[in-house]
Amino acid sequence: MKLNNEFKTIREWANKKGIYQKGDIKTQYVKLQEEAGELAKAIINNDNDEIIDAIGDCVVVLTSIAYFNNCTIEDCINTAYNVINKRKGHMVNGSFVKNN
């Protein structure tokens, strides 16, 4: 999968806001949990605008978590995709379950 550095602007924003200088992977993980909670609430409330916002917020935080792990979100997406695109399995109750 080819990504065209869509996340560069997010990294520039995080750097300007001091996240890379004053934050760390643990604080960003806590922030991710907060954003995931907002996503859950938006899903429960069937609030499409808030779902979109929360997904975006999660991606922004995940971009910083990748930075603190000395990689990029693009690397993470490609690594995951290269594994899942070969995965075999089936759907169970609305979720994909991989074969062992």
C-alpha atoms as a PDB file:
ATOM      1  CA  MET A   1       0.000   0.000   0.000  1.00  0.00           C
ATOM      2  CA  LYS A   2       1.353   3.427  -0.888  1.00  0.00           C
ATOM      3  CA  LEU A   3       0.667   6.392   1.347  1.00  0.00           C
ATOM      4  CA  ASN A   4       1.581   9.862   0.123  1.00  0.00           C
ATOM      5  CA  ASN A   5       2.662  11.327   3.455  1.00  0.00           C
ATOM      6  CA  GLU A   6      -0.802  12.493   4.448  1.00  0.00           C
ATOM      7  CA  PHE A   7       0.437  12.597   8.031  1.00  0.00           C
ATOM      8  CA  LYS A   8       3.220  15.155   7.556  1.00  0.00           C
ATOM      9  CA  THR A   9       0.894  18.022   8.479  1.00  0.00           C
ATOM     10  CA  ILE A  10      -0.160  16.225  11.669  1.00  0.00           C
ATOM     11  CA  ARG A  11       3.485  15.788  12.693  1.00  0.00           C
ATOM     12  CA  GLU A  12       4.199  19.465  11.959  1.00  0.00           C
ATOM     13  CA  TRP A  13       1.187  20.485  14.081  1.00  0.00           C
ATOM     14  CA  ALA A  14       2.259  18.212  16.970  1.00  0.00           C
ATOM     15  CA  ASN A  15       5.773  19.625  16.840  1.00  0.00           C
ATOM     16  CA  LYS A  16       4.487  23.233  16.885  1.00  0.00           C
ATOM     17  CA  LYS A  17       2.198  22.460  19.834  1.00  0.00           C
ATOM     18  CA  GLY A  18       5.111  21.018  21.847  1.00  0.00           C
ATOM     19  CA  ILE A  19       3.736  17.489  21.977  1.00  0.00           C
ATOM     20  CA  TYR A  20       7.049  16.000  20.838  1.00  0.00           C
ATOM     21  CA  GLN A  21       9.063  18.164  23.229  1.00  0.00           C
ATOM     22  CA  LYS A  22       6.894  17.900  26.356  1.00  0.00           C
ATOM     23  CA  GLY A  23       4.852  14.735  25.827  1.00  0.00           C
ATOM     24  CA  ASP A  24       5.768  11.087  25.732  1.00  0.00           C
ATOM     25  CA  ILE A  25       4.335   7.788  24.570  1.00  0.00           C
ATOM     26  CA  LYS A  26       2.514   7.243  27.874  1.00  0.00           C
ATOM     27  CA  THR A  27       0.739  10.597  27.871  1.00  0.00           C
ATOM     28  CA  GLN A  28      -0.255  10.036  24.265  1.00  0.00           C
ATOM     29  CA  TYR A  29      -1.628   6.591  25.099  1.00  0.00           C
ATOM     30  CA  VAL A  30      -3.788   8.128  27.821  1.00  0.00           C
ATOM     31  CA  LYS A  31      -4.978  10.711  25.278  1.00  0.00           C
ATOM     32  CA  LEU A  32      -5.811   7.870  22.867  1.00  0.00           C
ATOM     33  CA  GLN A  33      -8.001   6.254  25.518  1.00  0.00           C
ATOM     34  CA  GLU A  34      -9.811   9.556  26.031  1.00  0.00           C
ATOM     35  CA  GLU A  35     -10.412   9.890  22.289  1.00  0.00           C
ATOM     36  CA  ALA A  36     -11.530   6.243  22.051  1.00  0.00           C
ATOM     37  CA  GLY A  37     -14.057   6.957  24.796  1.00  0.00           C
ATOM     38  CA  GLU A  38     -15.391   9.894  22.799  1.00  0.00           C
ATOM     39  CA  LEU A  39     -15.651   7.599  19.773  1.00  0.00           C
ATOM     40  CA  ALA A  40     -17.583   5.032  21.799  1.00  0.00           C
ATOM     41  CA  LYS A  41     -20.002   7.706  23.024  1.00  0.00           C
ATOM     42  CA  ALA A  42     -20.505   8.997  19.481  1.00  0.00           C
ATOM     43  CA  ILE A  43     -21.206   5.472  18.212  1.00  0.00           C
ATOM     44  CA  ILE A  44     -23.698   4.813  21.015  1.00  0.00           C
ATOM     45  CA  ASN A  45     -25.404   8.129  20.247  1.00  0.00           C
ATOM     46  CA  ASN A  46     -25.301   7.432  16.499  1.00  0.00           C
ATOM     47  CA  ASP A  47     -23.730  10.890  16.025  1.00  0.00           C
ATOM     48  CA  ASN A  48     -22.065  10.704  12.618  1.00  0.00           C
ATOM     49  CA  ASP A  49     -20.292  14.074  12.872  1.00  0.00           C
ATOM     50  CA  GLU A  50     -18.804  13.164  16.246  1.00  0.00           C
ATOM     51  CA  ILE A  51     -17.809   9.701  14.973  1.00  0.00           C
ATOM     52  CA  ILE A  52     -15.858  11.332  12.146  1.00  0.00           C
ATOM     53  CA  ASP A  53     -14.238  13.816  14.536  1.00  0.00           C
ATOM     54  CA  ALA A  54     -13.295  11.120  17.054  1.00  0.00           C
ATOM     55  CA  ILE A  55     -11.790   8.843  14.406  1.00  0.00           C
ATOM     56  CA  GLY A  56      -9.696  11.768  13.197  1.00  0.00           C
ATOM     57  CA  ASP A  57      -8.615  12.581  16.747  1.00  0.00           C
ATOM     58  CA  CYS A  58      -7.565   8.947  17.283  1.00  0.00           C
ATOM     59  CA  VAL A  59      -5.478   9.040  14.096  1.00  0.00           C
ATOM     60  CA  VAL A  60      -3.784  12.262  15.215  1.00  0.00           C
ATOM     61  CA  VAL A  61      -2.850  10.714  18.569  1.00  0.00           C
ATOM     62  CA  LEU A  62      -1.732   7.452  16.952  1.00  0.00           C
ATOM     63  CA  THR A  63       0.555   9.521  14.706  1.00  0.00           C
ATOM     64  CA  SER A  64       2.248  10.899  17.833  1.00  0.00           C
ATOM     65  CA  ILE A  65       2.465   7.484  19.477  1.00  0.00           C
ATOM     66  CA  ALA A  66       4.265   6.203  16.374  1.00  0.00           C
ATOM     67  CA  TYR A  67       6.634   9.199  16.535  1.00  0.00           C
ATOM     68  CA  PHE A  68       7.531   8.400  20.147  1.00  0.00           C
ATOM     69  CA  ASN A  69       8.202   4.808  19.094  1.00  0.00           C
ATOM     70  CA  ASN A  70      10.709   6.033  16.465  1.00  0.00           C
ATOM     71  CA  CYS A  71       8.571   5.102  13.494  1.00  0.00           C
ATOM     72  CA  THR A  72       5.820   6.682  11.430  1.00  0.00           C
ATOM     73  CA  ILE A  73       2.111   6.004  11.303  1.00  0.00           C
ATOM     74  CA  GLU A  74       2.671   5.140   7.641  1.00  0.00           C
ATOM     75  CA  ASP A  75       5.110   2.391   8.704  1.00  0.00           C
ATOM     76  CA  CYS A  76       2.546   1.068  11.165  1.00  0.00           C
ATOM     77  CA  ILE A  77      -0.280   1.039   8.632  1.00  0.00           C
ATOM     78  CA  ASN A  78       1.851  -0.674   6.012  1.00  0.00           C
ATOM     79  CA  THR A  79       3.129  -3.266   8.483  1.00  0.00           C
ATOM     80  CA  ALA A  80      -0.390  -4.092   9.629  1.00  0.00           C
ATOM     81  CA  TYR A  81      -1.775  -4.173   6.109  1.00  0.00           C
ATOM     82  CA  ASN A  82       0.978  -6.483   4.891  1.00  0.00           C
ATOM     83  CA  VAL A  83      -0.101  -8.948   7.595  1.00  0.00           C
ATOM     84  CA  ILE A  84      -3.879  -8.633   7.338  1.00  0.00           C
ATOM     85  CA  ASN A  85      -4.083  -8.700   3.554  1.00  0.00           C
ATOM     86  CA  LYS A  86      -2.875 -12.326   3.620  1.00  0.00           C
ATOM     87  CA  ARG A  87      -5.036 -13.332   6.562  1.00  0.00           C
ATOM     88  CA  LYS A  88      -7.723 -15.925   6.094  1.00  0.00           C
ATOM     89  CA  GLY A  89     -10.763 -16.198   8.306  1.00  0.00           C
ATOM     90  CA  HIS A  90     -14.473 -15.669   8.546  1.00  0.00           C
ATOM     91  CA  MET A  91     -17.088 -13.372  10.027  1.00  0.00           C
ATOM     92  CA  VAL A  92     -18.563 -14.168  13.445  1.00  0.00           C
ATOM     93  CA  ASN A  93     -21.223 -11.890  14.939  1.00  0.00           C
ATOM     94  CA  GLY A  94     -20.073  -8.957  12.807  1.00  0.00           C
ATOM     95  CA  SER A  95     -16.338  -9.373  13.461  1.00  0.00           C
ATOM     96  CA  PHE A  96     -13.644 -10.937  11.291  1.00  0.00           C
ATOM     97  CA  VAL A  97     -12.018 -13.861  13.098  1.00  0.00           C
ATOM     98  CA  LYS A  98      -8.732 -15.063  11.650  1.00  0.00           C
ATOM     99  CA  ASN A  99      -8.024 -18.735  11.158  1.00  0.00           C
ATOM    100  CA  ASN A 100      -5.385 -20.229  13.433  1.00  0.00           C
END
